[in-house]
Amino acid sequence: MPRVKRGTVRRDQRKKYAKLTKGYFLNKSKLYKFMKEAADRAGRFAYRDRRRRKRDFRRLWITRISAAARLNQLTYSQLIHGLKKLGVALDRKMLSELAVRDAPAFAELAGKAKATLTAS
């Protein structure tokens, strides 16, 4: 089998990993083997956490809505059920923003949801 001299391919690959791991501590930014390991690991975390971020934010929004709902004598599930019956099409992100930034408006929504629940 003939010998393969890689030409610029090897250098390009090395430069790619060097760029990805710039600023990493000790050997992780200096030696090819460790650069490759560090970049692969970082890539796995980045991929996983792009999905995880969506879960974390939804969880935060629900916690905020729940806290604000309890201030208005409702549970989170009662509030969401009441809003669905009312036909209010606000997502959890918008509801949490209302709860944090505009408490009187949220209280009004919660009051309407409460009235809907007691009426049925």
N, C-alpha and C. Protein backbone atom coordinates (compact mmCIF):
# COMPACT_ATOMS: atom_id res chain seq x y z
N MET A 1 0.85 -1.18 0.00
CA MET A 1 0.00 0.00 0.00
C MET A 1 0.89 1.24 0.00
N PRO A 2 0.60 2.20 -0.85
CA PRO A 2 1.45 3.39 -0.92
C PRO A 2 1.31 4.27 0.32
N ARG A 3 2.37 4.97 0.59
CA ARG A 3 2.41 5.88 1.73
C ARG A 3 1.61 7.15 1.39
N VAL A 4 0.87 7.64 2.39
CA VAL A 4 0.08 8.85 2.17
C VAL A 4 0.71 9.99 2.95
N LYS A 5 1.11 11.02 2.23
CA LYS A 5 1.56 12.25 2.89
C LYS A 5 0.36 13.18 2.90
N ARG A 6 -0.05 13.59 4.05
CA ARG A 6 -1.33 14.27 4.18
C ARG A 6 -1.35 15.71 3.66
N GLY A 7 -0.21 16.28 3.40
CA GLY A 7 -0.21 17.64 2.87
C GLY A 7 -0.79 18.63 3.88
N THR A 8 -1.72 19.44 3.44
CA THR A 8 -2.26 20.47 4.33
C THR A 8 -3.44 19.95 5.16
N VAL A 9 -3.94 18.77 4.86
CA VAL A 9 -5.12 18.25 5.55
C VAL A 9 -4.87 18.12 7.04
N ARG A 10 -3.72 17.56 7.40
CA ARG A 10 -3.39 17.36 8.81
C ARG A 10 -3.29 18.70 9.53
N ARG A 11 -2.63 19.66 8.92
CA ARG A 11 -2.47 20.98 9.54
C ARG A 11 -3.82 21.68 9.70
N ASP A 12 -4.66 21.56 8.67
CA ASP A 12 -5.98 22.19 8.73
C ASP A 12 -6.81 21.63 9.87
N GLN A 13 -6.76 20.31 10.04
CA GLN A 13 -7.51 19.67 11.11
C GLN A 13 -7.01 20.15 12.47
N ARG A 14 -5.71 20.22 12.59
CA ARG A 14 -5.10 20.67 13.85
C ARG A 14 -5.47 22.12 14.15
N LYS A 15 -5.45 22.95 13.10
CA LYS A 15 -5.81 24.36 13.28
C LYS A 15 -7.28 24.51 13.69
N LYS A 16 -8.12 23.65 13.15
CA LYS A 16 -9.54 23.68 13.50
C LYS A 16 -9.72 23.42 14.99
N TYR A 17 -9.04 22.38 15.50
CA TYR A 17 -9.15 22.06 16.93
C TYR A 17 -8.49 23.13 17.79
N ALA A 18 -7.39 23.71 17.29
CA ALA A 18 -6.71 24.76 18.04
C ALA A 18 -7.64 25.97 18.19
N LYS A 19 -8.36 26.28 17.14
CA LYS A 19 -9.29 27.40 17.19
C LYS A 19 -10.45 27.12 18.16
N LEU A 20 -10.97 25.88 18.13
CA LEU A 20 -12.07 25.50 19.00
C LEU A 20 -11.69 25.52 20.48
N THR A 21 -10.42 25.18 20.77
CA THR A 21 -10.01 25.04 22.17
C THR A 21 -9.15 26.20 22.65
N LYS A 22 -9.15 27.30 21.91
CA LYS A 22 -8.37 28.46 22.30
C LYS A 22 -8.83 28.94 23.68
N GLY A 23 -7.91 29.13 24.58
CA GLY A 23 -8.25 29.61 25.91
C GLY A 23 -8.47 28.50 26.92
N TYR A 24 -8.45 27.23 26.48
CA TYR A 24 -8.62 26.13 27.42
C TYR A 24 -7.35 25.98 28.26
N PHE A 25 -7.47 25.36 29.40
CA PHE A 25 -6.40 25.27 30.39
C PHE A 25 -5.37 24.19 30.03
N LEU A 26 -4.10 24.53 30.18
CA LEU A 26 -2.97 23.61 30.00
C LEU A 26 -3.00 22.86 28.68
N ASN A 27 -2.85 21.52 28.74
CA ASN A 27 -2.68 20.72 27.53
C ASN A 27 -3.90 20.71 26.61
N LYS A 28 -5.06 21.04 27.16
CA LYS A 28 -6.28 20.99 26.35
C LYS A 28 -6.27 22.00 25.20
N SER A 29 -5.38 22.98 25.29
CA SER A 29 -5.27 23.93 24.18
C SER A 29 -3.93 23.82 23.47
N LYS A 30 -3.10 22.86 23.88
CA LYS A 30 -1.74 22.77 23.32
C LYS A 30 -1.49 21.49 22.51
N LEU A 31 -1.91 20.35 23.04
CA LEU A 31 -1.58 19.07 22.42
C LEU A 31 -2.79 18.51 21.67
N TYR A 32 -2.52 17.99 20.48
CA TYR A 32 -3.59 17.59 19.57
C TYR A 32 -4.55 16.59 20.20
N LYS A 33 -4.02 15.57 20.84
CA LYS A 33 -4.87 14.53 21.43
C LYS A 33 -5.83 15.15 22.44
N PHE A 34 -5.33 16.02 23.27
CA PHE A 34 -6.15 16.62 24.31
C PHE A 34 -7.07 17.70 23.75
N MET A 35 -6.60 18.39 22.69
CA MET A 35 -7.48 19.37 22.03
C MET A 35 -8.71 18.66 21.48
N LYS A 36 -8.47 17.53 20.84
CA LYS A 36 -9.56 16.77 20.22
C LYS A 36 -10.55 16.29 21.29
N GLU A 37 -10.03 15.76 22.38
CA GLU A 37 -10.90 15.28 23.47
C GLU A 37 -11.72 16.42 24.05
N ALA A 38 -11.06 17.55 24.30
CA ALA A 38 -11.74 18.68 24.92
C ALA A 38 -12.82 19.26 23.99
N ALA A 39 -12.50 19.35 22.70
CA ALA A 39 -13.46 19.90 21.75
C ALA A 39 -14.66 18.96 21.59
N ASP A 40 -14.41 17.66 21.55
CA ASP A 40 -15.50 16.70 21.42
C ASP A 40 -16.40 16.74 22.65
N ARG A 41 -15.80 16.84 23.81
CA ARG A 41 -16.56 16.89 25.06
C ARG A 41 -17.41 18.18 25.11
N ALA A 42 -16.78 19.29 24.75
CA ALA A 42 -17.49 20.57 24.75
C ALA A 42 -18.66 20.53 23.76
N GLY A 43 -18.43 19.90 22.62
CA GLY A 43 -19.49 19.77 21.62
C GLY A 43 -20.66 18.96 22.12
N ARG A 44 -20.37 17.89 22.86
CA ARG A 44 -21.44 17.06 23.43
C ARG A 44 -22.27 17.85 24.43
N PHE A 45 -21.57 18.61 25.30
CA PHE A 45 -22.28 19.42 26.29
C PHE A 45 -23.12 20.49 25.60
N ALA A 46 -22.56 21.12 24.58
CA ALA A 46 -23.28 22.19 23.87
C ALA A 46 -24.54 21.63 23.22
N TYR A 47 -24.44 20.47 22.59
CA TYR A 47 -25.59 19.84 21.94
C TYR A 47 -26.67 19.51 22.96
N ARG A 48 -26.25 18.89 24.05
CA ARG A 48 -27.21 18.49 25.09
C ARG A 48 -27.88 19.72 25.71
N ASP A 49 -27.07 20.74 25.99
CA ASP A 49 -27.59 21.88 26.73
C ASP A 49 -28.42 22.83 25.88
N ARG A 50 -28.30 22.76 24.56
CA ARG A 50 -29.21 23.54 23.72
C ARG A 50 -30.64 23.03 23.90
N ARG A 51 -30.78 21.73 24.11
CA ARG A 51 -32.10 21.15 24.37
C ARG A 51 -32.51 21.38 25.82
N ARG A 52 -31.54 21.27 26.70
CA ARG A 52 -31.80 21.41 28.13
C ARG A 52 -32.28 22.82 28.48
N ARG A 53 -31.74 23.83 27.79
CA ARG A 53 -32.09 25.22 28.06
C ARG A 53 -33.59 25.44 27.91
N LYS A 54 -34.19 24.79 26.91
CA LYS A 54 -35.62 24.93 26.66
C LYS A 54 -36.42 24.39 27.85
N ARG A 55 -35.97 23.25 28.38
CA ARG A 55 -36.63 22.66 29.56
C ARG A 55 -36.49 23.57 30.76
N ASP A 56 -35.28 24.08 30.96
CA ASP A 56 -35.00 24.91 32.14
C ASP A 56 -35.84 26.18 32.14
N PHE A 57 -35.97 26.81 30.97
CA PHE A 57 -36.76 28.03 30.91
C PHE A 57 -38.23 27.75 31.16
N ARG A 58 -38.74 26.68 30.56
CA ARG A 58 -40.15 26.35 30.78
C ARG A 58 -40.40 26.11 32.27
N ARG A 59 -39.47 25.44 32.92
CA ARG A 59 -39.59 25.18 34.35
C ARG A 59 -39.60 26.47 35.16
N LEU A 60 -38.74 27.41 34.80
CA LEU A 60 -38.69 28.71 35.46
C LEU A 60 -40.01 29.46 35.28
N TRP A 61 -40.52 29.46 34.04
CA TRP A 61 -41.78 30.17 33.78
C TRP A 61 -42.90 29.58 34.61
N ILE A 62 -42.98 28.26 34.68
CA ILE A 62 -44.05 27.60 35.44
C ILE A 62 -43.94 27.93 36.92
N THR A 63 -42.71 27.97 37.44
CA THR A 63 -42.50 28.32 38.84
C THR A 63 -42.98 29.74 39.13
N ARG A 64 -42.65 30.66 38.24
CA ARG A 64 -43.07 32.05 38.42
C ARG A 64 -44.59 32.19 38.36
N ILE A 65 -45.21 31.51 37.39
CA ILE A 65 -46.66 31.58 37.25
C ILE A 65 -47.33 30.99 38.48
N SER A 66 -46.80 29.87 38.95
CA SER A 66 -47.36 29.21 40.13
C SER A 66 -47.30 30.11 41.35
N ALA A 67 -46.18 30.78 41.54
CA ALA A 67 -46.02 31.69 42.70
C ALA A 67 -47.02 32.84 42.61
N ALA A 68 -47.16 33.40 41.42
CA ALA A 68 -48.09 34.52 41.23
C ALA A 68 -49.54 34.05 41.38
N ALA A 69 -49.84 32.85 40.92
CA ALA A 69 -51.19 32.31 41.03
C ALA A 69 -51.56 32.12 42.50
N ARG A 70 -50.62 31.64 43.29
CA ARG A 70 -50.87 31.42 44.71
C ARG A 70 -51.12 32.73 45.45
N LEU A 71 -50.51 33.81 44.97
CA LEU A 71 -50.79 35.12 45.55
C LEU A 71 -52.24 35.54 45.27
N ASN A 72 -52.82 34.94 44.22
CA ASN A 72 -54.20 35.24 43.85
C ASN A 72 -55.15 34.10 44.24
N GLN A 73 -54.76 33.30 45.23
CA GLN A 73 -55.58 32.19 45.78
C GLN A 73 -55.97 31.15 44.73
N LEU A 74 -55.06 30.84 43.84
CA LEU A 74 -55.25 29.78 42.85
C LEU A 74 -54.01 28.90 42.82
N THR A 75 -54.19 27.65 42.39
CA THR A 75 -53.01 26.84 42.11
C THR A 75 -52.66 27.04 40.64
N TYR A 76 -51.48 26.58 40.27
CA TYR A 76 -51.04 26.71 38.88
C TYR A 76 -52.01 25.99 37.94
N SER A 77 -52.37 24.76 38.30
CA SER A 77 -53.23 23.97 37.40
C SER A 77 -54.62 24.59 37.29
N GLN A 78 -55.14 25.13 38.39
CA GLN A 78 -56.45 25.80 38.33
C GLN A 78 -56.39 27.02 37.41
N LEU A 79 -55.30 27.79 37.54
CA LEU A 79 -55.14 28.98 36.69
C LEU A 79 -55.10 28.60 35.22
N ILE A 80 -54.28 27.63 34.87
CA ILE A 80 -54.13 27.21 33.47
C ILE A 80 -55.47 26.67 32.94
N HIS A 81 -56.16 25.88 33.77
CA HIS A 81 -57.46 25.33 33.36
C HIS A 81 -58.47 26.46 33.12
N GLY A 82 -58.51 27.42 34.03
CA GLY A 82 -59.42 28.54 33.90
C GLY A 82 -59.12 29.38 32.67
N LEU A 83 -57.82 29.60 32.39
CA LEU A 83 -57.44 30.38 31.20
C LEU A 83 -57.81 29.65 29.92
N LYS A 84 -57.66 28.33 29.92
CA LYS A 84 -58.02 27.54 28.74
C LYS A 84 -59.53 27.63 28.50
N LYS A 85 -60.32 27.55 29.59
CA LYS A 85 -61.78 27.67 29.46
C LYS A 85 -62.18 29.05 28.93
N LEU A 86 -61.43 30.06 29.36
CA LEU A 86 -61.70 31.43 28.90
C LEU A 86 -61.31 31.63 27.44
N GLY A 87 -60.41 30.79 26.95
CA GLY A 87 -59.92 30.93 25.59
C GLY A 87 -58.76 31.91 25.48
N VAL A 88 -58.04 32.11 26.61
CA VAL A 88 -56.89 33.01 26.61
C VAL A 88 -55.71 32.25 26.01
N ALA A 89 -55.13 32.80 24.95
CA ALA A 89 -54.06 32.11 24.22
C ALA A 89 -52.69 32.68 24.55
N LEU A 90 -52.40 32.85 25.84
CA LEU A 90 -51.06 33.30 26.24
C LEU A 90 -50.23 32.08 26.61
N ASP A 91 -49.01 32.04 26.10
CA ASP A 91 -48.14 30.92 26.47
C ASP A 91 -47.51 31.18 27.84
N ARG A 92 -46.79 30.19 28.33
CA ARG A 92 -46.23 30.29 29.68
C ARG A 92 -45.18 31.38 29.80
N LYS A 93 -44.45 31.61 28.73
CA LYS A 93 -43.44 32.67 28.75
C LYS A 93 -44.10 34.03 28.97
N MET A 94 -45.17 34.30 28.23
CA MET A 94 -45.87 35.59 28.34
C MET A 94 -46.55 35.72 29.70
N LEU A 95 -47.14 34.61 30.19
CA LEU A 95 -47.78 34.64 31.51
C LEU A 95 -46.77 34.96 32.60
N SER A 96 -45.59 34.37 32.49
CA SER A 96 -44.57 34.61 33.52
C SER A 96 -44.07 36.05 33.45
N GLU A 97 -43.96 36.60 32.24
CA GLU A 97 -43.57 38.00 32.11
C GLU A 97 -44.63 38.91 32.74
N LEU A 98 -45.89 38.58 32.51
CA LEU A 98 -46.97 39.34 33.13
C LEU A 98 -46.87 39.26 34.66
N ALA A 99 -46.64 38.06 35.15
CA ALA A 99 -46.57 37.86 36.60
C ALA A 99 -45.44 38.67 37.22
N VAL A 100 -44.32 38.76 36.54
CA VAL A 100 -43.15 39.45 37.09
C VAL A 100 -43.25 40.96 36.89
N ARG A 101 -43.62 41.39 35.69
CA ARG A 101 -43.54 42.81 35.35
C ARG A 101 -44.84 43.60 35.55
N ASP A 102 -45.98 42.90 35.46
CA ASP A 102 -47.26 43.61 35.55
C ASP A 102 -48.23 42.81 36.42
N ALA A 103 -48.01 42.86 37.73
CA ALA A 103 -48.80 42.08 38.68
C ALA A 103 -50.30 42.40 38.62
N PRO A 104 -50.71 43.68 38.50
CA PRO A 104 -52.16 43.96 38.44
C PRO A 104 -52.84 43.31 37.23
N ALA A 105 -52.19 43.31 36.08
CA ALA A 105 -52.77 42.67 34.89
C ALA A 105 -52.89 41.16 35.10
N PHE A 106 -51.86 40.57 35.72
CA PHE A 106 -51.90 39.13 36.01
C PHE A 106 -53.02 38.83 36.99
N ALA A 107 -53.18 39.70 38.00
CA ALA A 107 -54.24 39.51 38.99
C ALA A 107 -55.62 39.56 38.33
N GLU A 108 -55.77 40.44 37.35
CA GLU A 108 -57.04 40.53 36.62
C GLU A 108 -57.32 39.24 35.85
N LEU A 109 -56.28 38.74 35.17
CA LEU A 109 -56.42 37.46 34.46
C LEU A 109 -56.77 36.33 35.41
N ALA A 110 -56.07 36.30 36.55
CA ALA A 110 -56.32 35.26 37.54
C ALA A 110 -57.74 35.36 38.08
N GLY A 111 -58.22 36.58 38.29
CA GLY A 111 -59.59 36.78 38.76
C GLY A 111 -60.61 36.25 37.76
N LYS A 112 -60.37 36.51 36.48
CA LYS A 112 -61.28 36.02 35.43
C LYS A 112 -61.27 34.49 35.38
N ALA A 113 -60.06 33.92 35.50
CA ALA A 113 -59.93 32.45 35.49
C ALA A 113 -60.66 31.87 36.69
N LYS A 114 -60.53 32.49 37.83
CA LYS A 114 -61.19 32.03 39.07
C LYS A 114 -62.71 32.09 38.90
N ALA A 115 -63.20 33.18 38.32
CA ALA A 115 -64.64 33.34 38.10
C ALA A 115 -65.16 32.27 37.15
N THR A 116 -64.40 31.95 36.13
CA THR A 116 -64.77 30.91 35.17
C THR A 116 -64.88 29.55 35.84
N LEU A 117 -63.93 29.28 36.74
CA LEU A 117 -63.92 28.00 37.45
C LEU A 117 -65.10 27.86 38.39
N THR A 118 -65.44 28.96 39.10
CA THR A 118 -66.54 28.88 40.07
C THR A 118 -67.90 28.86 39.35
N ALA A 119 -67.96 29.43 38.14
CA ALA A 119 -69.21 29.47 37.40
C ALA A 119 -69.61 28.08 36.90
N SER A 120 -68.62 27.25 36.60
CA SER A 120 -68.95 25.93 36.03
C SER A 120 -69.08 24.83 37.05
